[in-house]
Structure formats: C-alpha cells, structure tokens
C-alpha atoms as a PDB file:
ATOM      1  CA  MET A   1    -174.791-121.882 243.014  1.00  0.00           C
ATOM      2  CA  PHE A   2    -171.901-121.005 240.728  1.00  0.00           C
ATOM      3  CA  PRO A   3    -172.523-119.180 237.419  1.00  0.00           C
ATOM      4  CA  LYS A   4    -171.994-121.305 234.311  1.00  0.00           C
ATOM      5  CA  LYS A   5    -168.988-120.504 232.154  1.00  0.00           C
ATOM      6  CA  ASN A   6    -169.844-119.201 228.721  1.00  0.00           C
ATOM      7  CA  THR A   7    -167.811-121.674 226.654  1.00  0.00           C
ATOM      8  CA  GLY A   8    -169.053-120.120 223.410  1.00  0.00           C
ATOM      9  CA  ASP A   9    -167.513-116.724 224.215  1.00  0.00           C
ATOM     10  CA  SER A  10    -164.275-118.367 225.378  1.00  0.00           C
ATOM     11  CA  GLY A  11    -163.916-120.308 222.132  1.00  0.00           C
ATOM     12  CA  LYS A  12    -164.615-117.191 220.084  1.00  0.00           C
ATOM     13  CA  GLN A  13    -161.934-115.246 221.955  1.00  0.00           C
ATOM     14  CA  LYS A  14    -159.400-118.023 221.360  1.00  0.00           C
ATOM     15  CA  ARG A  15    -160.168-118.022 217.633  1.00  0.00           C
ATOM     16  CA  GLN A  16    -159.799-114.245 217.493  1.00  0.00           C
ATOM     17  CA  THR A  17    -156.482-114.406 219.369  1.00  0.00           C
ATOM     18  CA  THR A  18    -155.230-117.141 217.029  1.00  0.00           C
ATOM     19  CA  ALA A  19    -156.246-115.090 213.977  1.00  0.00           C
ATOM     20  CA  ILE A  20    -154.448-112.010 215.322  1.00  0.00           C
ATOM     21  CA  ASP A  21    -151.313-114.042 216.093  1.00  0.00           C
ATOM     22  CA  LEU A  22    -151.367-115.554 212.603  1.00  0.00           C
ATOM     23  CA  ALA A  23    -151.778-112.136 210.969  1.00  0.00           C
ATOM     24  CA  THR A  24    -148.897-110.774 213.068  1.00  0.00           C
ATOM     25  CA  ARG A  25    -146.616-113.679 212.145  1.00  0.00           C
ATOM     26  CA  THR A  26    -147.545-113.306 208.469  1.00  0.00           C
ATOM     27  CA  ARG A  27    -146.785-109.591 208.559  1.00  0.00           C
ATOM     28  CA  ASP A  28    -143.478-110.205 210.336  1.00  0.00           C
ATOM     29  CA  LEU A  29    -142.533-112.858 207.759  1.00  0.00           C
ATOM     30  CA  GLU A  30    -143.328-110.490 204.884  1.00  0.00           C
ATOM     31  CA  GLU A  31    -141.170-107.785 206.473  1.00  0.00           C
ATOM     32  CA  ALA A  32    -138.326-110.265 207.010  1.00  0.00           C
ATOM     33  CA  ASN A  33    -138.547-111.347 203.354  1.00  0.00           C
ATOM     34  CA  LYS A  34    -138.441-107.723 202.175  1.00  0.00           C
ATOM     35  CA  THR A  35    -135.388-107.074 204.350  1.00  0.00           C
ATOM     36  CA  ALA A  36    -133.638-110.202 203.051  1.00  0.00           C
ATOM     37  CA  SER A  37    -134.327-109.167 199.458  1.00  0.00           C
ATOM     38  CA  PHE A  38    -132.998-105.642 200.058  1.00  0.00           C
ATOM     39  CA  VAL A  39    -129.845-106.928 201.791  1.00  0.00           C
ATOM     40  CA  ALA A  40    -129.149-109.327 198.906  1.00  0.00           C
ATOM     41  CA  HIS A  41    -129.599-106.485 196.403  1.00  0.00           C
ATOM     42  CA  GLU A  42    -127.145-104.241 198.249  1.00  0.00           C
ATOM     43  CA  LEU A  43    -124.708-107.139 198.645  1.00  0.00           C
ATOM     44  CA  ASN A  44    -124.777-107.656 194.869  1.00  0.00           C
ATOM     45  CA  ASN A  45    -123.898-103.977 194.382  1.00  0.00           C
ATOM     46  CA  LEU A  46    -120.901-104.302 196.707  1.00  0.00           C
ATOM     47  CA  LEU A  47    -119.778-107.569 195.100  1.00  0.00           C
ATOM     48  CA  THR A  48    -119.776-105.896 191.685  1.00  0.00           C
ATOM     49  CA  VAL A  49    -117.451-103.204 193.052  1.00  0.00           C
ATOM     50  CA  ILE A  50    -115.177-105.864 194.588  1.00  0.00           C
ATOM     51  CA  GLN A  51    -115.032-107.963 191.422  1.00  0.00           C
ATOM     52  CA  ILE A  52    -114.275-105.083 189.056  1.00  0.00           C
ATOM     53  CA  ASN A  53    -111.649-103.539 191.345  1.00  0.00           C
ATOM     54  CA  THR A  54    -109.990-106.947 191.655  1.00  0.00           C
ATOM     55  CA  GLU A  55    -109.899-107.193 187.850  1.00  0.00           C
ATOM     56  CA  PHE A  56    -108.123-103.839 187.631  1.00  0.00           C
ATOM     57  CA  LEU A  57    -105.577-104.954 190.238  1.00  0.00           C
ATOM     58  CA  LEU A  58    -104.972-108.265 188.460  1.00  0.00           C
ATOM     59  CA  GLU A  59    -104.039-106.377 185.306  1.00  0.00           C
ATOM     60  CA  THR A  60    -101.086-104.839 187.167  1.00  0.00           C
ATOM     61  CA  ALA A  61    -100.090-107.913 189.180  1.00  0.00           C
ATOM     62  CA  GLY A  62     -98.579-109.897 186.324  1.00  0.00           C
ATOM     63  CA  GLU A  63     -95.020-109.602 187.633  1.00  0.00           C
ATOM     64  CA  ASN A  64     -95.997-110.471 191.199  1.00  0.00           C
ATOM     65  CA  PRO A  65     -97.307-114.060 191.447  1.00  0.00           C
ATOM     66  CA  GLY A  66     -98.004-113.665 195.165  1.00  0.00           C
ATOM     67  CA  SER A  67    -100.302-110.700 194.652  1.00  0.00           C
ATOM     68  CA  ALA A  68    -102.004-112.427 191.732  1.00  0.00           C
ATOM     69  CA  GLN A  69    -102.749-115.443 193.917  1.00  0.00           C
ATOM     70  CA  GLU A  70    -104.185-113.275 196.682  1.00  0.00           C
ATOM     71  CA  LEU A  71    -106.387-111.419 194.210  1.00  0.00           C
ATOM     72  CA  ALA A  72    -107.565-114.708 192.730  1.00  0.00           C
ATOM     73  CA  GLU A  73    -108.610-115.785 196.225  1.00  0.00           C
ATOM     74  CA  ILE A  74    -110.580-112.553 196.603  1.00  0.00           C
ATOM     75  CA  GLN A  75    -112.345-113.279 193.321  1.00  0.00           C
ATOM     76  CA  GLY A  76    -113.158-116.788 194.504  1.00  0.00           C
ATOM     77  CA  ALA A  77    -114.581-115.456 197.757  1.00  0.00           C
ATOM     78  CA  ALA A  78    -116.661-112.903 195.836  1.00  0.00           C
ATOM     79  CA  ARG A  79    -118.110-115.664 193.661  1.00  0.00           C
ATOM     80  CA  ARG A  80    -119.050-117.702 196.736  1.00  0.00           C
ATOM     81  CA  ALA A  81    -120.646-114.616 198.293  1.00  0.00           C
ATOM     82  CA  SER A  82    -122.586-114.093 195.062  1.00  0.00           C
ATOM     83  CA  ILE A  83    -124.083-117.570 195.423  1.00  0.00           C
ATOM     84  CA  LEU A  84    -125.084-116.756 199.010  1.00  0.00           C
ATOM     85  CA  ALA A  85    -126.756-113.550 197.796  1.00  0.00           C
ATOM     86  CA  ARG A  86    -128.734-115.557 195.260  1.00  0.00           C
ATOM     87  CA  GLN A  87    -129.747-117.996 197.962  1.00  0.00           C
ATOM     88  CA  LEU A  88    -130.907-115.097 200.126  1.00  0.00           C
ATOM     89  CA  LEU A  89    -132.982-113.735 197.246  1.00  0.00           C
ATOM     90  CA  ALA A  90    -134.556-117.148 196.649  1.00  0.00           C
ATOM     91  CA  SER A  91    -135.312-117.474 200.352  1.00  0.00           C
ATOM     92  CA  SER A  92    -136.994-114.061 200.396  1.00  0.00           C
ATOM     93  CA  ARG A  93    -139.339-115.305 197.643  1.00  0.00           C
ATOM     94  CA  LEU A  94    -139.866-118.670 199.414  1.00  0.00           C
ATOM     95  CA  GLU A  95    -138.338-120.492 196.438  1.00  0.00           C
ATOM     96  CA  LEU A  96    -136.149-123.576 196.332  1.00  0.00           C
ATOM     97  CA  PHE A  97    -132.468-122.903 195.680  1.00  0.00           C
ATOM     98  CA  ASP A  98    -130.019-125.132 193.818  1.00  0.00           C
ATOM     99  CA  ALA A  99    -126.455-124.116 194.742  1.00  0.00           C
ATOM    100  CA  ASN A 100    -124.928-126.361 192.053  1.00  0.00           C
ATOM    101  CA  LEU A 101    -127.081-124.760 189.379  1.00  0.00           C
ATOM    102  CA  ALA A 102    -126.055-121.312 190.605  1.00  0.00           C
ATOM    103  CA  LYS A 103    -122.372-122.286 190.478  1.00  0.00           C
ATOM    104  CA  THR A 104    -122.765-123.554 186.921  1.00  0.00           C
ATOM    105  CA  GLY A 105    -124.417-120.298 185.899  1.00  0.00           C
ATOM    106  CA  LEU A 106    -121.594-118.237 187.384  1.00  0.00           C
ATOM    107  CA  LYS A 107    -118.966-120.340 185.613  1.00  0.00           C
ATOM    108  CA  LYS A 108    -120.694-119.769 182.277  1.00  0.00           C
ATOM    109  CA  LYS A 109    -120.813-116.021 182.891  1.00  0.00           C
ATOM    110  CA  SER A 110    -117.156-115.814 183.890  1.00  0.00           C
ATOM    111  CA  SER A 111    -115.733-118.123 181.211  1.00  0.00           C
ATOM    112  CA  VAL A 112    -114.341-115.978 178.387  1.00  0.00           C
ATOM    113  CA  THR A 113    -112.171-117.635 175.769  1.00  0.00           C
ATOM    114  CA  PRO A 114    -109.361-115.658 174.083  1.00  0.00           C
ATOM    115  CA  GLU A 115    -111.275-115.891 170.793  1.00  0.00           C
ATOM    116  CA  LYS A 116    -114.437-114.394 172.300  1.00  0.00           C
ATOM    117  CA  SER A 117    -112.471-111.680 174.059  1.00  0.00           C
ATOM    118  CA  ALA A 118    -110.659-110.695 170.859  1.00  0.00           C
ATOM    119  CA  ALA A 119    -113.928-110.628 168.922  1.00  0.00           C
ATOM    120  CA  ARG A 120    -115.492-108.302 171.481  1.00  0.00           C
ATOM    121  CA  LEU A 121    -112.519-105.974 171.472  1.00  0.00           C
ATOM    122  CA  GLU A 122    -112.826-105.651 167.706  1.00  0.00           C
ATOM    123  CA  LYS A 123    -116.317-104.213 168.188  1.00  0.00           C
ATOM    124  CA  THR A 124    -115.147-100.759 169.152  1.00  0.00           C
ATOM    125  CA  PRO A 125    -117.596 -97.868 169.549  1.00  0.00           C
ATOM    126  CA  ARG A 126    -118.789 -96.312 166.333  1.00  0.00           C
ATOM    127  CA  VAL A 127    -117.778 -92.648 166.352  1.00  0.00           C
ATOM    128  CA  ALA A 128    -117.742 -92.414 170.152  1.00  0.00           C
ATOM    129  CA  GLU A 129    -121.163 -93.837 170.937  1.00  0.00           C
ATOM    130  CA  THR A 130    -122.798 -92.137 173.912  1.00  0.00           C
ATOM    131  CA  ILE A 131    -124.096 -94.021 176.940  1.00  0.00           C
ATOM    132  CA  LEU A 132    -126.319 -92.516 179.619  1.00  0.00           C
ATOM    133  CA  LEU A 133    -125.238 -94.339 182.791  1.00  0.00           C
ATOM    134  CA  VAL A 134    -127.733 -94.158 185.668  1.00  0.00           C
ATOM    135  CA  GLU A 135    -126.722 -95.751 188.992  1.00  0.00           C
ATOM    136  CA  ASP A 136    -127.217 -94.569 192.561  1.00  0.00           C
ATOM    137  CA  GLU A 137    -124.309 -96.584 194.013  1.00  0.00           C
ATOM    138  CA  ALA A 138    -121.448 -94.084 193.576  1.00  0.00           C
ATOM    139  CA  ALA A 139    -118.573 -96.592 193.632  1.00  0.00           C
ATOM    140  CA  LEU A 140    -120.254 -98.810 191.062  1.00  0.00           C
ATOM    141  CA  ARG A 141    -121.136 -95.868 188.843  1.00  0.00           C
ATOM    142  CA  THR A 142    -117.523 -94.669 188.908  1.00  0.00           C
ATOM    143  CA  LEU A 143    -116.183 -98.110 187.964  1.00  0.00           C
ATOM    144  CA  ALA A 144    -118.717 -98.615 185.175  1.00  0.00           C
ATOM    145  CA  LYS A 145    -117.855 -95.211 183.733  1.00  0.00           C
ATOM    146  CA  LYS A 146    -114.140 -96.015 183.912  1.00  0.00           C
ATOM    147  CA  ILE A 147    -114.580 -99.319 182.058  1.00  0.00           C
ATOM    148  CA  LEU A 148    -116.793 -97.875 179.333  1.00  0.00           C
ATOM    149  CA  SER A 149    -114.626 -94.777 178.874  1.00  0.00           C
ATOM    150  CA  GLN A 150    -111.556 -96.998 178.483  1.00  0.00           C
ATOM    151  CA  LYS A 151    -113.401 -98.886 175.743  1.00  0.00           C
ATOM    152  CA  GLY A 152    -113.937 -95.619 173.896  1.00  0.00           C
ATOM    153  CA  TYR A 153    -117.501 -94.742 174.816  1.00  0.00           C
ATOM    154  CA  ARG A 154    -118.652 -91.279 175.761  1.00  0.00           C
ATOM    155  CA  VAL A 155    -120.401 -91.598 179.147  1.00  0.00           C
ATOM    156  CA  LEU A 156    -122.973 -89.261 180.676  1.00  0.00           C
ATOM    157  CA  GLU A 157    -123.621 -90.193 184.316  1.00  0.00           C
ATOM    158  CA  ALA A 158    -126.498 -89.631 186.716  1.00  0.00           C
ATOM    159  CA  SER A 159    -127.197 -90.846 190.247  1.00  0.00           C
ATOM    160  CA  ASP A 160    -130.961 -91.248 189.789  1.00  0.00           C
ATOM    161  CA  GLY A 161    -133.697 -91.135 187.192  1.00  0.00           C
ATOM    162  CA  ALA A 162    -134.672 -87.519 187.785  1.00  0.00           C
ATOM    163  CA  ILE A 163    -131.132 -86.279 187.106  1.00  0.00           C
ATOM    164  CA  ALA A 164    -130.914 -88.599 184.099  1.00  0.00           C
ATOM    165  CA  LEU A 165    -134.045 -87.024 182.604  1.00  0.00           C
ATOM    166  CA  ARG A 166    -132.484 -83.559 182.809  1.00  0.00           C
ATOM    167  CA  LEU A 167    -129.300 -84.862 181.199  1.00  0.00           C
ATOM    168  CA  ALA A 168    -131.243 -86.561 178.424  1.00  0.00           C
ATOM    169  CA  ALA A 169    -133.181 -83.348 177.728  1.00  0.00           C
ATOM    170  CA  ALA A 170    -129.873 -81.533 177.286  1.00  0.00           C
ATOM    171  CA  HIS A 171    -128.555 -84.212 174.897  1.00  0.00           C
ATOM    172  CA  VAL A 172    -131.566 -85.077 172.750  1.00  0.00           C
ATOM    173  CA  GLY A 173    -130.545 -87.201 169.768  1.00  0.00           C
ATOM    174  CA  GLU A 174    -127.065 -87.897 171.158  1.00  0.00           C
ATOM    175  CA  ILE A 175    -127.691 -90.885 173.438  1.00  0.00           C
ATOM    176  CA  ASP A 176    -127.184 -94.320 171.882  1.00  0.00           C
ATOM    177  CA  LEU A 177    -127.882 -96.423 174.989  1.00  0.00           C
ATOM    178  CA  VAL A 178    -129.352 -95.972 178.443  1.00  0.00           C
ATOM    179  CA  LEU A 179    -127.619 -98.218 180.987  1.00  0.00           C
ATOM    180  CA  THR A 180    -129.715 -97.917 184.122  1.00  0.00           C
ATOM    181  CA  ASP A 181    -130.166 -99.471 187.520  1.00  0.00           C
ATOM    182  CA  VAL A 182    -133.752-100.367 188.380  1.00  0.00           C
ATOM    183  CA  ALA A 183    -134.201 -99.513 192.072  1.00  0.00           C
ATOM    184  CA  MET A 184    -133.148 -95.901 192.739  1.00  0.00           C
ATOM    185  CA  PRO A 185    -134.373 -92.939 194.812  1.00  0.00           C
ATOM    186  CA  ASN A 186    -136.532 -90.183 193.285  1.00  0.00           C
ATOM    187  CA  LEU A 187    -137.146 -92.029 190.004  1.00  0.00           C
ATOM    188  CA  GLY A 188    -136.325 -95.672 189.259  1.00  0.00           C
ATOM    189  CA  GLY A 189    -135.102 -97.204 186.044  1.00  0.00           C
ATOM    190  CA  ARG A 190    -138.461 -98.361 184.691  1.00  0.00           C
ATOM    191  CA  GLY A 191    -140.075 -94.976 185.268  1.00  0.00           C
ATOM    192  CA  LEU A 192    -137.080 -93.258 183.694  1.00  0.00           C
ATOM    193  CA  VAL A 193    -137.270 -95.373 180.554  1.00  0.00           C
ATOM    194  CA  GLU A 194    -141.006 -94.721 180.198  1.00  0.00           C
ATOM    195  CA  GLU A 195    -140.319 -90.971 180.318  1.00  0.00           C
ATOM    196  CA  LEU A 196    -137.365 -91.188 177.899  1.00  0.00           C
ATOM    197  CA  ARG A 197    -139.367 -93.154 175.349  1.00  0.00           C
ATOM    198  CA  GLU A 198    -141.796 -90.270 175.186  1.00  0.00           C
ATOM    199  CA  LEU A 199    -138.884 -88.255 173.747  1.00  0.00           C
ATOM    200  CA  SER A 200    -137.118 -91.051 171.852  1.00  0.00           C
ATOM    201  CA  PRO A 201    -139.380 -94.097 171.254  1.00  0.00           C
ATOM    202  CA  GLY A 202    -136.588 -96.213 169.762  1.00  0.00           C
ATOM    203  CA  ILE A 203    -133.925 -95.556 172.390  1.00  0.00           C
ATOM    204  CA  ARG A 204    -131.897 -98.623 173.371  1.00  0.00           C
ATOM    205  CA  VAL A 205    -131.922 -99.649 177.027  1.00  0.00           C
ATOM    206  CA  LEU A 206    -129.939-102.059 179.174  1.00  0.00           C
ATOM    207  CA  PHE A 207    -131.339-102.557 182.677  1.00  0.00           C
ATOM    208  CA  MET A 208    -129.099-103.716 185.530  1.00  0.00           C
ATOM    209  CA  SER A 209    -130.059-104.762 189.037  1.00  0.00           C
ATOM    210  CA  GLY A 210    -129.134-106.806 192.067  1.00  0.00           C
ATOM    211  CA  TYR A 211    -132.648-108.281 191.931  1.00  0.00           C
ATOM    212  CA  PRO A 212    -133.362-111.205 189.584  1.00  0.00           C
ATOM    213  CA  ARG A 213    -134.996-110.473 186.222  1.00  0.00           C
ATOM    214  CA  GLU A 214    -138.243-112.274 187.102  1.00  0.00           C
ATOM    215  CA  GLU A 215    -138.699-110.051 190.156  1.00  0.00           C
ATOM    216  CA  VAL A 216    -138.074-106.833 188.226  1.00  0.00           C
ATOM    217  CA  PHE A 217    -140.110-107.902 185.179  1.00  0.00           C
ATOM    218  CA  PRO A 218    -142.762-110.355 186.405  1.00  0.00           C
ATOM    219  CA  ASP A 219    -144.942-109.823 183.326  1.00  0.00           C
ATOM    220  CA  LYS A 220    -144.081-112.057 180.368  1.00  0.00           C
ATOM    221  CA  GLY A 221    -144.297-109.189 177.913  1.00  0.00           C
ATOM    222  CA  SER A 222    -141.203-107.569 179.484  1.00  0.00           C
ATOM    223  CA  ALA A 223    -139.098-110.748 179.547  1.00  0.00           C
ATOM    224  CA  ASN A 224    -137.089-109.746 176.473  1.00  0.00           C
ATOM    225  CA  HIS A 225    -135.704-106.521 177.949  1.00  0.00           C
ATOM    226  CA  PRO A 226    -131.874-106.571 177.865  1.00  0.00           C
ATOM    227  CA  TYR A 227    -130.925-107.226 181.477  1.00  0.00           C
ATOM    228  CA  LEU A 228    -127.630-107.336 183.371  1.00  0.00           C
ATOM    229  CA  GLN A 229    -127.753-109.188 186.689  1.00  0.00           C
ATOM    230  CA  LYS A 230    -125.450-107.938 189.439  1.00  0.00           C
ATOM    231  CA  PRO A 231    -122.829-108.800 190.441  1.00  0.00           C
ATOM    232  CA  PHE A 232    -121.016-108.680 187.104  1.00  0.00           C
ATOM    233  CA  THR A 233    -117.446-108.361 185.870  1.00  0.00           C
ATOM    234  CA  GLY A 234    -115.991-105.642 183.694  1.00  0.00           C
ATOM    235  CA  GLU A 235    -115.852-108.015 180.725  1.00  0.00           C
ATOM    236  CA  THR A 236    -119.518-108.935 181.175  1.00  0.00           C
ATOM    237  CA  LEU A 237    -120.480-105.256 181.373  1.00  0.00           C
ATOM    238  CA  PHE A 238    -118.660-104.447 178.129  1.00  0.00           C
ATOM    239  CA  SER A 239    -120.113-107.500 176.381  1.00  0.00           C
ATOM    240  CA  GLU A 240    -123.711-106.752 177.410  1.00  0.00           C
ATOM    241  CA  VAL A 241    -123.396-103.060 176.504  1.00  0.00           C
ATOM    242  CA  ARG A 242    -122.053-103.962 173.071  1.00  0.00           C
ATOM    243  CA  SER A 243    -124.830-106.500 172.567  1.00  0.00           C
ATOM    244  CA  ALA A 244    -127.503-103.955 173.557  1.00  0.00           C
ATOM    245  CA  LEU A 245    -126.049-101.369 171.182  1.00  0.00           C
ATOM    246  CA  ASP A 246    -125.999-103.867 168.324  1.00  0.00           C
ATOM    247  CA  ASN A 247    -129.598-104.862 169.021  1.00  0.00           C
ATOM    248  CA  VAL A 248    -131.951-103.447 166.406  1.00  0.00           C
ATOM    249  CA  THR A 249    -135.129-102.069 167.967  1.00  0.00           C
END
C-alpha cells in the first residue's frame, strides 16, 4: 500500500516559492529602476558639460562655417540624448513618457530672442554679487564658474556640502546666492541649505539637478524652490541665476 501524498503541504510549498520569486523579482526591479535613475542623472551632468563647451566653441567658429555646422550637429545630438535621459528617468519611475512634449519643452528652454538676451545682459551683477557654487562634478563646476565669472559675479566654489559649509562660515554676510547641486557625497544640497539657513535665514538658493523637480521635492510645500534642471545651457544658467538673485525672499 502506497503512502498518500500530502497535497496540502505541496500546495503550501508552491505558494511560498511563488511568494519568494515575486519578492525577488520586485527587489530586482527596484534595483534596476534605481540604476536607471542614477545613470540618467549622470548622463544629464555630462550633457550639460557637452552643451556648454559647444557654446564656447561656437562663439569662436564664426569665420569657419564648416566648424559651426559640425558644432550645431553636436548640439542637436546632445538635445536628442537629453530626451533619452528624460525617458530613462520616466521609465525608472514607471511613468508614461511623451517624447513630443519633451521636445517642445526643450525648444522653449533653448529659444532665446535677441531682445530677451539683451535684456538679460543689461542685468549685470550689483557690486560683484557673490555666488557660492556647490557641485561635485568637477568639469561642470569649472564651466559654471567660468560662465558666472565672465558675467561679473564673484564665485566661491565647493565640491560638496561639507566644504561649502566651511566656505560659508568664512564668508558670513558676503554670499548673495547659493547655487547647489542636490545629490552629492558627504552632504547634499538640501542638507546644506538647511544648515546655511541656520546662519542666514533669508539666503537665496537655486537648486540644480539631473533628477526632475518632482523627484527631488515630492512635497507640495517645496514646489516653489528655484530649480534648474540639467542639462542646461550657459544662457539658461545665467538667466536662472539672475532670476534667483532678483527674487525677494
């Protein structure tokens, strides 16, 4: 006589195995989404460096139509890559992505009329306004400092929030604007600003990041923080810095 199979135990084991497999797949998906988000953020940093360097080269390529055309193609490729980075970010958050809407948004950001450009240039720094620039990507930090220094600003630079705090302590009352990345080693941008506002409650701040605003500031109360989405151009950087400085807190 053969022993009866315990079908109850077998079914329980199958359910446990299925639950473990589901938990493993969920964990793997979460890790893949985090990796995709990080890659898109780093790609936006690199695209900012490419776009700004291309702008500098275009300024000196006026007498060489061939070089100007090649640089314009680089800019076009950078814009297309920027759309892909946005798609990757949306995918990491399991959100729908509208490529046409993204293209329209980029066109609006990059369209600067001569009138607007002239108006911005007229808004020169008032008695060498001082900006505390905090960015861990060295190439991007160097370019941002170059642009702002050329516009007449005095720039103090730091590679993370901890260094920025020491700089701020040495220049109390001198800093007109903190331009800071959000995700950095040692101390990020949000933590830095919280510390700085203990010293100077009314200090002006412009956050910048390769992550979208809604991911950095998910709470509605923080939605009005001045925010610069990477990648950006030199003109956009200058415009947003000027706007943040003119903002009355």
